[in-house]
Amino acid sequence: ECFNEKGVESQVSIGKDGTTEYELLENGLLCSVAFKKQGISFQTKVSWEGRKLTMELVDGTLTEGKDGSPYILKSMTFMPYLGSSYSNSINGYILIPDGSGALIRYRRPANYSSTYAARIYGIDYGIESLSNTTGKVSKPEAQVLMPIYGMVHGAYQNGFFAVVESGAEYATILATPALTNNPYNRAAVRFEYRQKYVKHINRKE
């Protein structure tokens, strides 16, 4: 996700908007990504050892503002559809770190007022506005205290357990059940690089 010079958000993906070059390593690969229109480029490393798969942004490779582009990076999500499943085609669930842990079962697509998105270790009180939620909820959401999530396909069959090993304090766990306009159950972690700060200065607000 990116901000333009007016602070308007937009979303881009490697498959649709970017160009990539891959270099095979001994136990993984190095992916060089470039978004020409947005003037943003970086490298990600994917490595595997046994049953562990690791994804990371290579330090010092993130570049913004190429060719005078006004876009800046807002957030980054690695493999947002890893382990996704179609509708209720298989028996399974998404594990989210809500309180002591919660499961979202795979069901038929439906319309939801919102999907699960929770900042690990809580929101940044220096930026977030509390006026939008104060007094409008009967019980506040449980704070996410563990940097984990997961997905399961079939009881005792297939699944993955994900752990955010670095940057958890700047990350948000996302979990989306099958929707009518996107019938895939999916979960991922989004790393927040920048947030929009809004401060109301009139008395009404």
C-alpha atoms as a PDB file:
ATOM      1  CA  GLU A   1       0.000   0.000   0.000  1.00  0.00           C
ATOM      2  CA  CYS A   2       1.195   3.528  -0.840  1.00  0.00           C
ATOM      3  CA  PHE A   3       0.420   7.178  -0.134  1.00  0.00           C
ATOM      4  CA  ASN A   4       0.552   9.793  -2.890  1.00  0.00           C
ATOM      5  CA  GLU A   5       1.481  13.433  -2.298  1.00  0.00           C
ATOM      6  CA  LYS A   6      -2.064  14.171  -1.029  1.00  0.00           C
ATOM      7  CA  GLY A   7      -2.075  11.265   1.423  1.00  0.00           C
ATOM      8  CA  VAL A   8      -4.502   9.211  -0.675  1.00  0.00           C
ATOM      9  CA  GLU A   9      -3.994   5.470  -0.275  1.00  0.00           C
ATOM     10  CA  SER A  10      -3.642   2.972  -3.108  1.00  0.00           C
ATOM     11  CA  GLN A  11      -2.790  -0.706  -3.270  1.00  0.00           C
ATOM     12  CA  VAL A  12      -0.379  -2.387  -5.676  1.00  0.00           C
ATOM     13  CA  SER A  13       0.704  -5.998  -6.139  1.00  0.00           C
ATOM     14  CA  ILE A  14       3.740  -7.643  -7.668  1.00  0.00           C
ATOM     15  CA  GLY A  15       1.709  -9.682 -10.139  1.00  0.00           C
ATOM     16  CA  LYS A  16      -0.264  -6.740 -11.523  1.00  0.00           C
ATOM     17  CA  ASP A  17       1.826  -3.605 -11.044  1.00  0.00           C
ATOM     18  CA  GLY A  18       5.434  -4.638 -10.465  1.00  0.00           C
ATOM     19  CA  THR A  19       8.328  -6.277 -12.241  1.00  0.00           C
ATOM     20  CA  THR A  20      10.465  -8.960 -10.629  1.00  0.00           C
ATOM     21  CA  GLU A  21      13.813 -10.661 -11.009  1.00  0.00           C
ATOM     22  CA  TYR A  22      14.655 -13.861  -9.154  1.00  0.00           C
ATOM     23  CA  GLU A  23      18.000 -15.251  -8.060  1.00  0.00           C
ATOM     24  CA  LEU A  24      18.171 -18.802  -6.725  1.00  0.00           C
ATOM     25  CA  LEU A  25      20.103 -19.282  -3.497  1.00  0.00           C
ATOM     26  CA  GLU A  26      21.304 -22.457  -1.812  1.00  0.00           C
ATOM     27  CA  ASN A  27      18.186 -22.746   0.384  1.00  0.00           C
ATOM     28  CA  GLY A  28      15.797 -20.235  -1.143  1.00  0.00           C
ATOM     29  CA  LEU A  29      15.577 -17.296  -3.496  1.00  0.00           C
ATOM     30  CA  LEU A  30      16.106 -13.564  -3.682  1.00  0.00           C
ATOM     31  CA  CYS A  31      13.375 -11.511  -5.343  1.00  0.00           C
ATOM     32  CA  SER A  32      14.084  -7.986  -6.638  1.00  0.00           C
ATOM     33  CA  VAL A  33      10.840  -6.015  -7.000  1.00  0.00           C
ATOM     34  CA  ALA A  34      10.291  -2.691  -8.778  1.00  0.00           C
ATOM     35  CA  PHE A  35       7.117  -0.618  -9.054  1.00  0.00           C
ATOM     36  CA  LYS A  36       8.061   1.830 -11.801  1.00  0.00           C
ATOM     37  CA  LYS A  37       4.991   4.093 -11.596  1.00  0.00           C
ATOM     38  CA  GLN A  38       5.282   4.404  -7.819  1.00  0.00           C
ATOM     39  CA  GLY A  39       9.081   4.726  -7.868  1.00  0.00           C
ATOM     40  CA  ILE A  40       9.449   2.074  -5.161  1.00  0.00           C
ATOM     41  CA  SER A  41      11.787  -0.920  -5.216  1.00  0.00           C
ATOM     42  CA  PHE A  42      13.089  -3.466  -2.709  1.00  0.00           C
ATOM     43  CA  GLN A  43      14.370  -7.020  -2.320  1.00  0.00           C
ATOM     44  CA  THR A  44      12.752  -9.861  -0.426  1.00  0.00           C
ATOM     45  CA  LYS A  45      14.376 -13.116   0.586  1.00  0.00           C
ATOM     46  CA  VAL A  46      12.536 -16.412   0.862  1.00  0.00           C
ATOM     47  CA  SER A  47      14.376 -19.289   2.498  1.00  0.00           C
ATOM     48  CA  TRP A  48      13.435 -22.720   3.741  1.00  0.00           C
ATOM     49  CA  GLU A  49      14.956 -25.186   6.162  1.00  0.00           C
ATOM     50  CA  GLY A  50      13.174 -28.441   6.874  1.00  0.00           C
ATOM     51  CA  ARG A  51       9.506 -27.541   7.404  1.00  0.00           C
ATOM     52  CA  LYS A  52      10.196 -23.848   8.077  1.00  0.00           C
ATOM     53  CA  LEU A  53       9.624 -21.158   5.448  1.00  0.00           C
ATOM     54  CA  THR A  54      10.991 -17.665   6.167  1.00  0.00           C
ATOM     55  CA  MET A  55      10.144 -14.431   4.322  1.00  0.00           C
ATOM     56  CA  GLU A  56      11.929 -11.136   4.950  1.00  0.00           C
ATOM     57  CA  LEU A  57      12.656  -7.728   3.498  1.00  0.00           C
ATOM     58  CA  VAL A  58      16.387  -7.388   2.852  1.00  0.00           C
ATOM     59  CA  ASP A  59      17.814  -4.575   4.993  1.00  0.00           C
ATOM     60  CA  GLY A  60      18.868  -1.466   3.111  1.00  0.00           C
ATOM     61  CA  THR A  61      17.149  -2.361  -0.191  1.00  0.00           C
ATOM     62  CA  LEU A  62      13.974  -0.291   0.132  1.00  0.00           C
ATOM     63  CA  THR A  63      14.070   2.745  -2.187  1.00  0.00           C
ATOM     64  CA  GLU A  64      11.362   5.381  -2.679  1.00  0.00           C
ATOM     65  CA  GLY A  65      10.932   8.466  -4.873  1.00  0.00           C
ATOM     66  CA  LYS A  66      12.662   7.175  -7.997  1.00  0.00           C
ATOM     67  CA  ASP A  67      12.370   9.523 -11.007  1.00  0.00           C
ATOM     68  CA  GLY A  68      10.643  12.115  -8.835  1.00  0.00           C
ATOM     69  CA  SER A  69       7.683   9.885  -7.963  1.00  0.00           C
ATOM     70  CA  PRO A  70       5.557  11.328  -5.126  1.00  0.00           C
ATOM     71  CA  TYR A  71       4.547   7.919  -3.775  1.00  0.00           C
ATOM     72  CA  ILE A  72       5.778   6.645  -0.407  1.00  0.00           C
ATOM     73  CA  LEU A  73       5.291   3.224   1.134  1.00  0.00           C
ATOM     74  CA  LYS A  74       2.430   2.823   3.610  1.00  0.00           C
ATOM     75  CA  SER A  75       2.535  -0.909   4.326  1.00  0.00           C
ATOM     76  CA  MET A  76       3.719  -4.248   2.989  1.00  0.00           C
ATOM     77  CA  THR A  77       2.104  -7.700   3.092  1.00  0.00           C
ATOM     78  CA  PHE A  78       3.967 -10.908   2.270  1.00  0.00           C
ATOM     79  CA  MET A  79       2.042 -13.580   0.325  1.00  0.00           C
ATOM     80  CA  PRO A  80      -1.481 -12.494   1.358  1.00  0.00           C
ATOM     81  CA  TYR A  81      -3.060 -15.584  -0.215  1.00  0.00           C
ATOM     82  CA  LEU A  82      -0.679 -18.205   1.176  1.00  0.00           C
ATOM     83  CA  GLY A  83      -2.828 -21.136   2.341  1.00  0.00           C
ATOM     84  CA  SER A  84      -6.096 -19.561   1.197  1.00  0.00           C
ATOM     85  CA  SER A  85      -9.105 -21.789   0.580  1.00  0.00           C
ATOM     86  CA  TYR A  86     -12.211 -21.390  -1.577  1.00  0.00           C
ATOM     87  CA  SER A  87     -15.492 -20.867   0.281  1.00  0.00           C
ATOM     88  CA  ASN A  88     -16.376 -23.923   2.412  1.00  0.00           C
ATOM     89  CA  SER A  89     -14.897 -26.394  -0.073  1.00  0.00           C
ATOM     90  CA  ILE A  90     -12.778 -27.926   2.694  1.00  0.00           C
ATOM     91  CA  ASN A  91     -13.193 -28.266   6.437  1.00  0.00           C
ATOM     92  CA  GLY A  92     -10.835 -25.911   8.214  1.00  0.00           C
ATOM     93  CA  TYR A  93     -10.272 -22.683  10.059  1.00  0.00           C
ATOM     94  CA  ILE A  94      -8.099 -19.590  10.549  1.00  0.00           C
ATOM     95  CA  LEU A  95      -6.311 -19.194  13.880  1.00  0.00           C
ATOM     96  CA  ILE A  96      -6.149 -15.618  15.165  1.00  0.00           C
ATOM     97  CA  PRO A  97      -4.512 -14.358  18.400  1.00  0.00           C
ATOM     98  CA  ASP A  98      -7.716 -12.787  19.729  1.00  0.00           C
ATOM     99  CA  GLY A  99      -7.546 -13.003  23.526  1.00  0.00           C
ATOM    100  CA  SER A 100      -6.441 -16.536  24.375  1.00  0.00           C
ATOM    101  CA  GLY A 101      -6.912 -17.558  20.735  1.00  0.00           C
ATOM    102  CA  ALA A 102      -9.891 -17.850  18.410  1.00  0.00           C
ATOM    103  CA  LEU A 103     -10.851 -19.823  15.304  1.00  0.00           C
ATOM    104  CA  ILE A 104     -12.697 -18.569  12.222  1.00  0.00           C
ATOM    105  CA  ARG A 105     -14.317 -21.564  10.529  1.00  0.00           C
ATOM    106  CA  TYR A 106     -14.548 -21.746   6.738  1.00  0.00           C
ATOM    107  CA  ARG A 107     -18.098 -21.011   5.614  1.00  0.00           C
ATOM    108  CA  ARG A 108     -19.993 -20.002   2.500  1.00  0.00           C
ATOM    109  CA  PRO A 109     -19.279 -16.461   1.252  1.00  0.00           C
ATOM    110  CA  ALA A 110     -21.207 -13.732   3.044  1.00  0.00           C
ATOM    111  CA  ASN A 111     -21.181  -9.980   3.574  1.00  0.00           C
ATOM    112  CA  TYR A 112     -19.513  -8.828   6.788  1.00  0.00           C
ATOM    113  CA  SER A 113     -19.510  -5.342   8.276  1.00  0.00           C
ATOM    114  CA  SER A 114     -15.771  -5.722   8.879  1.00  0.00           C
ATOM    115  CA  THR A 115     -13.006  -8.297   8.793  1.00  0.00           C
ATOM    116  CA  TYR A 116     -10.379  -9.063  11.430  1.00  0.00           C
ATOM    117  CA  ALA A 117      -7.454  -6.644  11.544  1.00  0.00           C
ATOM    118  CA  ALA A 118      -5.613  -6.228  14.842  1.00  0.00           C
ATOM    119  CA  ARG A 119      -2.342  -4.453  15.567  1.00  0.00           C
ATOM    120  CA  ILE A 120       0.104  -6.700  17.425  1.00  0.00           C
ATOM    121  CA  TYR A 121       0.668  -5.386  20.979  1.00  0.00           C
ATOM    122  CA  GLY A 122      -2.042  -2.761  20.504  1.00  0.00           C
ATOM    123  CA  ILE A 123      -2.487   0.510  18.626  1.00  0.00           C
ATOM    124  CA  ASP A 124      -0.047   3.399  18.534  1.00  0.00           C
ATOM    125  CA  TYR A 125      -1.667   5.961  20.844  1.00  0.00           C
ATOM    126  CA  GLY A 126       0.529   8.714  19.427  1.00  0.00           C
ATOM    127  CA  ILE A 127      -1.199   8.414  16.044  1.00  0.00           C
ATOM    128  CA  GLU A 128      -4.539   6.619  16.370  1.00  0.00           C
ATOM    129  CA  SER A 129      -7.704   8.574  17.088  1.00  0.00           C
ATOM    130  CA  LEU A 130      -9.790   7.106  19.906  1.00  0.00           C
ATOM    131  CA  SER A 131     -12.794   9.346  19.265  1.00  0.00           C
ATOM    132  CA  ASN A 132     -14.089   6.984  16.569  1.00  0.00           C
ATOM    133  CA  THR A 133     -14.663   4.093  18.972  1.00  0.00           C
ATOM    134  CA  THR A 134     -15.076   5.626  22.430  1.00  0.00           C
ATOM    135  CA  GLY A 135     -18.502   4.871  23.879  1.00  0.00           C
ATOM    136  CA  LYS A 136     -19.696   2.944  20.817  1.00  0.00           C
ATOM    137  CA  VAL A 137     -18.701  -0.575  21.849  1.00  0.00           C
ATOM    138  CA  SER A 138     -20.069  -2.655  24.725  1.00  0.00           C
ATOM    139  CA  LYS A 139     -16.733  -4.348  25.308  1.00  0.00           C
ATOM    140  CA  PRO A 140     -13.332  -3.393  23.890  1.00  0.00           C
ATOM    141  CA  GLU A 141     -11.506  -5.902  21.691  1.00  0.00           C
ATOM    142  CA  ALA A 142      -8.915  -8.086  23.353  1.00  0.00           C
ATOM    143  CA  GLN A 143      -5.403  -6.837  22.681  1.00  0.00           C
ATOM    144  CA  VAL A 144      -3.189  -9.031  20.519  1.00  0.00           C
ATOM    145  CA  LEU A 145      -0.307 -10.137  22.728  1.00  0.00           C
ATOM    146  CA  MET A 146       1.212 -12.867  20.554  1.00  0.00           C
ATOM    147  CA  PRO A 147       2.653 -12.292  17.044  1.00  0.00           C
ATOM    148  CA  ILE A 148       1.085 -15.402  15.504  1.00  0.00           C
ATOM    149  CA  TYR A 149      -1.644 -16.662  13.175  1.00  0.00           C
ATOM    150  CA  GLY A 150      -2.322 -19.795  11.156  1.00  0.00           C
ATOM    151  CA  MET A 151      -4.558 -21.724   8.783  1.00  0.00           C
ATOM    152  CA  VAL A 152      -5.707 -25.360   8.762  1.00  0.00           C
ATOM    153  CA  HIS A 153      -7.040 -27.430   5.863  1.00  0.00           C
ATOM    154  CA  GLY A 154      -8.777 -30.484   7.303  1.00  0.00           C
ATOM    155  CA  ALA A 155      -8.523 -31.726  10.886  1.00  0.00           C
ATOM    156  CA  TYR A 156      -5.079 -33.264  11.542  1.00  0.00           C
ATOM    157  CA  GLN A 157      -4.180 -32.906   7.854  1.00  0.00           C
ATOM    158  CA  ASN A 158      -2.595 -29.745   6.415  1.00  0.00           C
ATOM    159  CA  GLY A 159      -1.880 -26.320   7.809  1.00  0.00           C
ATOM    160  CA  PHE A 160       0.696 -23.704   8.719  1.00  0.00           C
ATOM    161  CA  PHE A 161       1.554 -21.771  11.868  1.00  0.00           C
ATOM    162  CA  ALA A 162       3.079 -18.323  11.280  1.00  0.00           C
ATOM    163  CA  VAL A 163       5.245 -16.379  13.723  1.00  0.00           C
ATOM    164  CA  VAL A 164       6.319 -12.749  13.232  1.00  0.00           C
ATOM    165  CA  GLU A 165       9.951 -12.941  14.342  1.00  0.00           C
ATOM    166  CA  SER A 166      10.908  -9.318  13.659  1.00  0.00           C
ATOM    167  CA  GLY A 167       8.960  -6.063  13.355  1.00  0.00           C
ATOM    168  CA  ALA A 168       5.924  -7.340  15.264  1.00  0.00           C
ATOM    169  CA  GLU A 169       5.465  -3.983  17.005  1.00  0.00           C
ATOM    170  CA  TYR A 170       4.757  -2.463  13.565  1.00  0.00           C
ATOM    171  CA  ALA A 171       2.567  -5.291  12.274  1.00  0.00           C
ATOM    172  CA  THR A 172      -1.137  -6.058  11.940  1.00  0.00           C
ATOM    173  CA  ILE A 173      -2.672  -9.538  11.802  1.00  0.00           C
ATOM    174  CA  LEU A 174      -5.284  -9.813   9.037  1.00  0.00           C
ATOM    175  CA  ALA A 175      -7.911 -12.551   8.722  1.00  0.00           C
ATOM    176  CA  THR A 176     -10.663 -12.459   6.129  1.00  0.00           C
ATOM    177  CA  PRO A 177     -13.372 -15.124   5.751  1.00  0.00           C
ATOM    178  CA  ALA A 178     -14.907 -15.807   2.348  1.00  0.00           C
ATOM    179  CA  LEU A 179     -16.753 -12.742   1.062  1.00  0.00           C
ATOM    180  CA  THR A 180     -19.332 -12.521  -1.710  1.00  0.00           C
ATOM    181  CA  ASN A 181     -16.973 -10.415  -3.850  1.00  0.00           C
ATOM    182  CA  ASN A 182     -13.872 -12.459  -2.929  1.00  0.00           C
ATOM    183  CA  PRO A 183     -14.821 -16.013  -1.895  1.00  0.00           C
ATOM    184  CA  TYR A 184     -11.431 -16.992  -0.434  1.00  0.00           C
ATOM    185  CA  ASN A 185     -10.592 -17.518   3.223  1.00  0.00           C
ATOM    186  CA  ARG A 186      -7.191 -15.936   3.849  1.00  0.00           C
ATOM    187  CA  ALA A 187      -4.857 -14.650   6.542  1.00  0.00           C
ATOM    188  CA  ALA A 188      -1.639 -12.655   6.510  1.00  0.00           C
ATOM    189  CA  VAL A 189       0.459 -10.120   8.369  1.00  0.00           C
ATOM    190  CA  ARG A 190       0.763  -6.501   7.232  1.00  0.00           C
ATOM    191  CA  PHE A 191       3.805  -4.447   8.206  1.00  0.00           C
ATOM    192  CA  GLU A 192       2.959  -0.781   8.769  1.00  0.00           C
ATOM    193  CA  TYR A 193       5.651   1.637   7.577  1.00  0.00           C
ATOM    194  CA  ARG A 194       3.638   4.841   7.838  1.00  0.00           C
ATOM    195  CA  GLN A 195       0.261   5.901   9.162  1.00  0.00           C
ATOM    196  CA  LYS A 196      -1.838   8.929   8.349  1.00  0.00           C
ATOM    197  CA  TYR A 197      -2.126  11.324  11.268  1.00  0.00           C
ATOM    198  CA  VAL A 198      -5.276  13.428  11.565  1.00  0.00           C
ATOM    199  CA  LYS A 199      -5.748  16.068  14.252  1.00  0.00           C
ATOM    200  CA  HIS A 200      -9.077  17.919  14.434  1.00  0.00           C
ATOM    201  CA  ILE A 201      -8.654  21.546  15.465  1.00  0.00           C
ATOM    202  CA  ASN A 202     -12.255  22.789  15.488  1.00  0.00           C
ATOM    203  CA  ARG A 203     -14.477  22.616  18.555  1.00  0.00           C
ATOM    204  CA  LYS A 204     -17.115  20.464  16.913  1.00  0.00           C
ATOM    205  CA  GLU A 205     -14.694  17.562  16.499  1.00  0.00           C
END
